[in-house]
């Protein structure tokens, strides 16, 4: 998986990073959605990755991890952007917007 982080998104992420050791985790949250194919992409700011996570290739110097089982729902090429108008992150593929209002949760 390759994730492009736009400059606007990187500036917003940098505001949240407290330590250089923090990592981002792109999670496909299915809890409370009814079934596994109905999920919501969410970013988590965490102190460490989960044991089974893989690190995505990225255009910036931030470690972004994901569960390989969720890749089927997310795709191979993603872009994390930030909408100043909506004040929220967005997750996009070359073909569609997966999440126009993606949350960044600090855990």
N, C-alpha and C. Protein backbone atom coordinates (compact mmCIF):
# COMPACT_ATOMS: atom_id res chain seq x y z
N UNK A 1 0.85 -1.17 0.00
CA UNK A 1 0.00 0.00 0.00
C UNK A 1 0.90 1.24 0.00
N UNK A 2 0.55 2.22 -0.84
CA UNK A 2 1.25 3.49 -0.87
C UNK A 2 0.27 4.60 -0.50
N UNK A 3 0.67 5.43 0.46
CA UNK A 3 -0.18 6.52 0.91
C UNK A 3 0.53 7.85 0.65
N UNK A 4 -0.15 8.71 -0.09
CA UNK A 4 0.33 10.07 -0.31
C UNK A 4 -0.37 10.96 0.71
N UNK A 5 0.42 11.72 1.44
CA UNK A 5 -0.13 12.69 2.41
C UNK A 5 0.11 14.07 1.82
N UNK A 6 -0.97 14.82 1.63
CA UNK A 6 -0.83 16.17 1.07
C UNK A 6 -0.17 17.10 2.09
N UNK A 7 0.34 18.21 1.60
CA UNK A 7 0.97 19.19 2.49
C UNK A 7 -0.02 19.72 3.53
N UNK A 8 -1.25 19.94 3.11
CA UNK A 8 -2.28 20.44 4.02
C UNK A 8 -2.55 19.42 5.13
N UNK A 9 -2.66 18.15 4.76
CA UNK A 9 -2.90 17.10 5.77
C UNK A 9 -1.68 16.95 6.68
N UNK A 10 -0.50 17.02 6.11
CA UNK A 10 0.72 16.89 6.91
C UNK A 10 0.81 18.00 7.96
N UNK A 11 0.44 19.21 7.60
CA UNK A 11 0.46 20.33 8.55
C UNK A 11 -0.51 20.07 9.70
N UNK A 12 -1.69 19.53 9.41
CA UNK A 12 -2.67 19.22 10.47
C UNK A 12 -2.21 18.06 11.34
N UNK A 13 -1.61 17.05 10.73
CA UNK A 13 -1.09 15.91 11.50
C UNK A 13 0.04 16.38 12.41
N UNK A 14 0.91 17.25 11.90
CA UNK A 14 2.04 17.74 12.69
C UNK A 14 1.57 18.48 13.94
N UNK A 15 0.42 19.14 13.88
CA UNK A 15 -0.12 19.83 15.06
C UNK A 15 -0.48 18.84 16.16
N UNK A 16 -0.83 17.61 15.78
CA UNK A 16 -1.27 16.59 16.73
C UNK A 16 -0.12 15.73 17.26
N UNK A 17 0.95 15.64 16.49
CA UNK A 17 2.08 14.80 16.91
C UNK A 17 2.75 15.40 18.15
N UNK A 18 2.79 14.61 19.20
CA UNK A 18 3.40 15.08 20.44
C UNK A 18 4.84 14.60 20.58
N UNK A 19 5.09 13.42 20.07
CA UNK A 19 6.43 12.85 20.13
C UNK A 19 6.78 12.28 18.77
N UNK A 20 8.05 12.28 18.47
CA UNK A 20 8.50 11.74 17.20
C UNK A 20 8.21 10.24 17.09
N UNK A 21 8.04 9.58 18.23
CA UNK A 21 7.79 8.14 18.24
C UNK A 21 6.34 7.81 17.90
N UNK A 22 5.46 8.78 17.90
CA UNK A 22 4.05 8.52 17.57
C UNK A 22 3.94 8.01 16.13
N UNK A 23 2.96 7.15 15.93
CA UNK A 23 2.68 6.64 14.59
C UNK A 23 1.21 6.83 14.28
N UNK A 24 0.90 6.87 13.00
CA UNK A 24 -0.48 6.92 12.56
C UNK A 24 -0.90 5.50 12.19
N UNK A 25 -2.13 5.19 12.48
CA UNK A 25 -2.68 3.89 12.11
C UNK A 25 -3.96 4.15 11.34
N UNK A 26 -3.98 3.68 10.09
CA UNK A 26 -5.18 3.77 9.27
C UNK A 26 -5.99 2.52 9.55
N UNK A 27 -7.17 2.72 10.09
CA UNK A 27 -8.01 1.60 10.53
C UNK A 27 -9.34 1.63 9.81
N UNK A 28 -9.81 0.46 9.42
CA UNK A 28 -11.13 0.34 8.81
C UNK A 28 -12.06 -0.17 9.89
N UNK A 29 -12.76 0.75 10.53
CA UNK A 29 -13.57 0.45 11.71
C UNK A 29 -14.94 -0.08 11.30
N UNK A 30 -15.22 -1.34 11.67
CA UNK A 30 -16.50 -1.96 11.33
C UNK A 30 -17.40 -2.12 12.55
N UNK A 31 -16.92 -1.73 13.71
CA UNK A 31 -17.70 -1.90 14.94
C UNK A 31 -18.98 -1.05 14.88
N UNK A 32 -20.11 -1.71 15.07
CA UNK A 32 -21.40 -1.03 15.07
C UNK A 32 -21.93 -0.70 13.68
N UNK A 33 -21.25 -1.19 12.63
CA UNK A 33 -21.67 -0.89 11.26
C UNK A 33 -22.57 -1.97 10.66
N UNK A 34 -22.78 -3.06 11.35
CA UNK A 34 -23.69 -4.09 10.85
C UNK A 34 -22.99 -5.27 10.20
N UNK A 35 -22.00 -5.00 9.35
CA UNK A 35 -21.25 -6.11 8.75
C UNK A 35 -19.85 -5.64 8.38
N UNK A 36 -18.98 -6.59 8.08
CA UNK A 36 -17.57 -6.29 7.85
C UNK A 36 -17.32 -5.44 6.61
N UNK A 37 -18.23 -5.46 5.64
CA UNK A 37 -18.00 -4.66 4.43
C UNK A 37 -18.50 -3.23 4.58
N UNK A 38 -19.19 -2.93 5.66
CA UNK A 38 -19.66 -1.58 5.92
C UNK A 38 -18.80 -0.99 7.04
N UNK A 39 -17.76 -0.30 6.65
CA UNK A 39 -16.86 0.25 7.64
C UNK A 39 -16.56 1.71 7.40
N UNK A 40 -15.84 2.29 8.34
CA UNK A 40 -15.49 3.71 8.29
C UNK A 40 -13.97 3.83 8.47
N UNK A 41 -13.26 4.36 7.46
CA UNK A 41 -11.82 4.58 7.64
C UNK A 41 -11.58 5.65 8.70
N UNK A 42 -10.65 5.37 9.60
CA UNK A 42 -10.34 6.27 10.71
C UNK A 42 -8.83 6.29 10.92
N UNK A 43 -8.29 7.45 11.23
CA UNK A 43 -6.88 7.57 11.59
C UNK A 43 -6.75 7.59 13.10
N UNK A 44 -5.80 6.83 13.61
CA UNK A 44 -5.49 6.84 15.03
C UNK A 44 -4.06 7.29 15.22
N UNK A 45 -3.83 8.17 16.16
CA UNK A 45 -2.49 8.58 16.55
C UNK A 45 -2.13 7.77 17.77
N UNK A 46 -1.13 6.88 17.62
CA UNK A 46 -0.79 5.94 18.69
C UNK A 46 0.69 5.98 19.00
N UNK A 47 1.04 5.39 20.13
CA UNK A 47 2.45 5.35 20.53
C UNK A 47 3.23 4.25 19.83
N UNK A 48 2.52 3.20 19.38
CA UNK A 48 3.19 2.10 18.69
C UNK A 48 2.19 1.40 17.78
N UNK A 49 2.72 0.69 16.81
CA UNK A 49 1.85 -0.07 15.91
C UNK A 49 1.40 -1.35 16.59
N UNK A 50 0.40 -1.99 16.02
CA UNK A 50 -0.08 -3.28 16.52
C UNK A 50 0.81 -4.38 15.95
N UNK A 51 0.94 -5.49 16.65
CA UNK A 51 1.88 -6.54 16.22
C UNK A 51 1.68 -7.06 14.79
N UNK A 52 0.46 -7.17 14.31
CA UNK A 52 0.21 -7.73 12.98
C UNK A 52 0.13 -6.67 11.88
N UNK A 53 0.26 -5.40 12.25
CA UNK A 53 0.17 -4.32 11.27
C UNK A 53 1.36 -4.31 10.32
N UNK A 54 1.12 -3.77 9.14
CA UNK A 54 2.18 -3.52 8.16
C UNK A 54 2.37 -2.02 8.04
N UNK A 55 3.59 -1.62 7.68
CA UNK A 55 3.85 -0.20 7.47
C UNK A 55 3.63 0.13 5.99
N UNK A 56 2.84 1.15 5.75
CA UNK A 56 2.58 1.59 4.37
C UNK A 56 3.78 2.38 3.85
N UNK A 57 4.01 2.29 2.57
CA UNK A 57 4.97 3.18 1.93
C UNK A 57 4.30 4.55 1.86
N UNK A 58 5.10 5.59 2.01
CA UNK A 58 4.52 6.92 2.15
C UNK A 58 5.44 7.96 1.55
N UNK A 59 4.88 9.08 1.11
CA UNK A 59 5.67 10.15 0.52
C UNK A 59 6.26 11.11 1.56
N UNK A 60 5.93 10.94 2.83
CA UNK A 60 6.43 11.81 3.89
C UNK A 60 7.09 10.98 4.98
N UNK A 61 7.76 11.65 5.89
CA UNK A 61 8.51 10.97 6.94
C UNK A 61 7.65 10.73 8.18
N UNK A 62 6.51 10.09 7.98
CA UNK A 62 5.63 9.69 9.07
C UNK A 62 5.36 8.21 8.88
N UNK A 63 5.38 7.47 9.96
CA UNK A 63 5.07 6.05 9.87
C UNK A 63 3.56 5.87 9.94
N UNK A 64 3.01 5.23 8.91
CA UNK A 64 1.58 4.94 8.85
C UNK A 64 1.42 3.43 8.76
N UNK A 65 0.68 2.87 9.69
CA UNK A 65 0.48 1.42 9.74
C UNK A 65 -0.98 1.08 9.43
N UNK A 66 -1.19 -0.16 9.02
CA UNK A 66 -2.54 -0.63 8.72
C UNK A 66 -2.61 -2.14 8.93
N UNK A 67 -3.80 -2.62 9.16
CA UNK A 67 -4.04 -4.05 9.28
C UNK A 67 -4.14 -4.62 7.86
N UNK A 68 -3.32 -5.60 7.49
CA UNK A 68 -3.36 -6.11 6.12
C UNK A 68 -4.72 -6.69 5.72
N UNK A 69 -5.52 -7.11 6.68
CA UNK A 69 -6.85 -7.63 6.36
C UNK A 69 -7.80 -6.53 5.88
N UNK A 70 -7.49 -5.28 6.19
CA UNK A 70 -8.34 -4.16 5.79
C UNK A 70 -7.98 -3.60 4.42
N UNK A 71 -6.86 -4.05 3.86
CA UNK A 71 -6.39 -3.48 2.60
C UNK A 71 -7.40 -3.69 1.47
N UNK A 72 -8.14 -4.77 1.50
CA UNK A 72 -9.14 -5.04 0.46
C UNK A 72 -10.21 -3.94 0.41
N UNK A 73 -10.49 -3.33 1.55
CA UNK A 73 -11.50 -2.27 1.61
C UNK A 73 -10.92 -0.90 1.28
N UNK A 74 -9.59 -0.78 1.36
CA UNK A 74 -8.94 0.53 1.21
C UNK A 74 -8.28 0.71 -0.15
N UNK A 75 -7.61 -0.31 -0.67
CA UNK A 75 -6.94 -0.21 -1.95
C UNK A 75 -5.43 -0.11 -1.83
N UNK A 76 -4.79 -0.03 -2.99
CA UNK A 76 -3.32 -0.01 -3.07
C UNK A 76 -2.73 1.39 -3.00
N UNK A 77 -3.43 2.37 -3.58
CA UNK A 77 -2.94 3.75 -3.63
C UNK A 77 -3.97 4.67 -2.99
N UNK A 78 -3.55 5.33 -1.92
CA UNK A 78 -4.44 6.20 -1.17
C UNK A 78 -3.83 7.59 -1.03
N UNK A 79 -4.70 8.56 -0.82
CA UNK A 79 -4.26 9.92 -0.50
C UNK A 79 -4.99 10.37 0.75
N UNK A 80 -4.23 10.87 1.71
CA UNK A 80 -4.81 11.50 2.89
C UNK A 80 -4.70 13.00 2.67
N UNK A 81 -5.84 13.66 2.68
CA UNK A 81 -5.90 15.10 2.45
C UNK A 81 -6.61 15.74 3.64
N UNK A 82 -6.61 17.06 3.68
CA UNK A 82 -7.33 17.78 4.72
C UNK A 82 -8.14 18.88 4.07
N UNK A 83 -9.43 18.92 4.37
CA UNK A 83 -10.31 19.97 3.86
C UNK A 83 -10.41 21.06 4.91
N UNK A 84 -9.88 22.23 4.58
CA UNK A 84 -9.98 23.36 5.51
C UNK A 84 -11.42 23.82 5.65
N UNK A 85 -12.17 23.73 4.58
CA UNK A 85 -13.57 24.16 4.60
C UNK A 85 -14.40 23.30 5.56
N UNK A 86 -14.19 21.97 5.51
CA UNK A 86 -14.93 21.04 6.39
C UNK A 86 -14.19 20.78 7.70
N UNK A 87 -12.93 21.23 7.78
CA UNK A 87 -12.08 21.02 8.96
C UNK A 87 -11.98 19.53 9.32
N UNK A 88 -11.69 18.72 8.29
CA UNK A 88 -11.59 17.28 8.51
C UNK A 88 -10.66 16.65 7.49
N UNK A 89 -10.15 15.48 7.85
CA UNK A 89 -9.32 14.71 6.93
C UNK A 89 -10.20 14.01 5.91
N UNK A 90 -9.60 13.69 4.77
CA UNK A 90 -10.29 12.95 3.73
C UNK A 90 -9.39 11.82 3.25
N UNK A 91 -10.01 10.69 2.90
CA UNK A 91 -9.27 9.55 2.36
C UNK A 91 -9.77 9.31 0.95
N UNK A 92 -8.82 9.31 0.00
CA UNK A 92 -9.17 9.20 -1.41
C UNK A 92 -8.35 8.10 -2.09
N UNK A 93 -8.92 7.53 -3.15
CA UNK A 93 -8.19 6.68 -4.07
C UNK A 93 -8.13 7.45 -5.39
N UNK A 94 -7.41 6.94 -6.39
CA UNK A 94 -7.43 7.63 -7.68
C UNK A 94 -8.83 7.68 -8.30
N UNK A 95 -9.73 6.79 -7.87
CA UNK A 95 -11.05 6.70 -8.49
C UNK A 95 -12.19 7.28 -7.67
N UNK A 96 -12.02 7.40 -6.35
CA UNK A 96 -13.15 7.82 -5.53
C UNK A 96 -12.70 8.38 -4.19
N UNK A 97 -13.63 9.02 -3.50
CA UNK A 97 -13.40 9.47 -2.13
C UNK A 97 -13.97 8.39 -1.21
N UNK A 98 -13.10 7.74 -0.44
CA UNK A 98 -13.55 6.71 0.48
C UNK A 98 -14.18 7.29 1.73
N UNK A 99 -13.63 8.43 2.18
CA UNK A 99 -14.18 9.08 3.37
C UNK A 99 -13.99 10.59 3.25
N UNK A 100 -15.08 11.34 3.06
CA UNK A 100 -14.94 12.79 2.96
C UNK A 100 -14.74 13.46 4.32
N UNK A 101 -15.00 12.72 5.40
CA UNK A 101 -14.86 13.27 6.77
C UNK A 101 -14.24 12.22 7.68
N UNK A 102 -12.94 12.01 7.51
CA UNK A 102 -12.22 11.00 8.29
C UNK A 102 -11.68 11.62 9.58
N UNK A 103 -11.94 10.94 10.68
CA UNK A 103 -11.50 11.43 11.98
C UNK A 103 -10.06 11.04 12.26
N UNK A 104 -9.38 11.86 13.05
CA UNK A 104 -8.07 11.54 13.61
C UNK A 104 -8.26 11.48 15.11
N UNK A 105 -8.11 10.26 15.65
CA UNK A 105 -8.36 10.02 17.07
C UNK A 105 -7.03 9.83 17.77
N UNK A 106 -6.81 10.59 18.82
CA UNK A 106 -5.60 10.45 19.62
C UNK A 106 -5.87 9.44 20.73
N UNK A 107 -5.09 8.36 20.74
CA UNK A 107 -5.30 7.33 21.76
C UNK A 107 -4.15 7.27 22.74
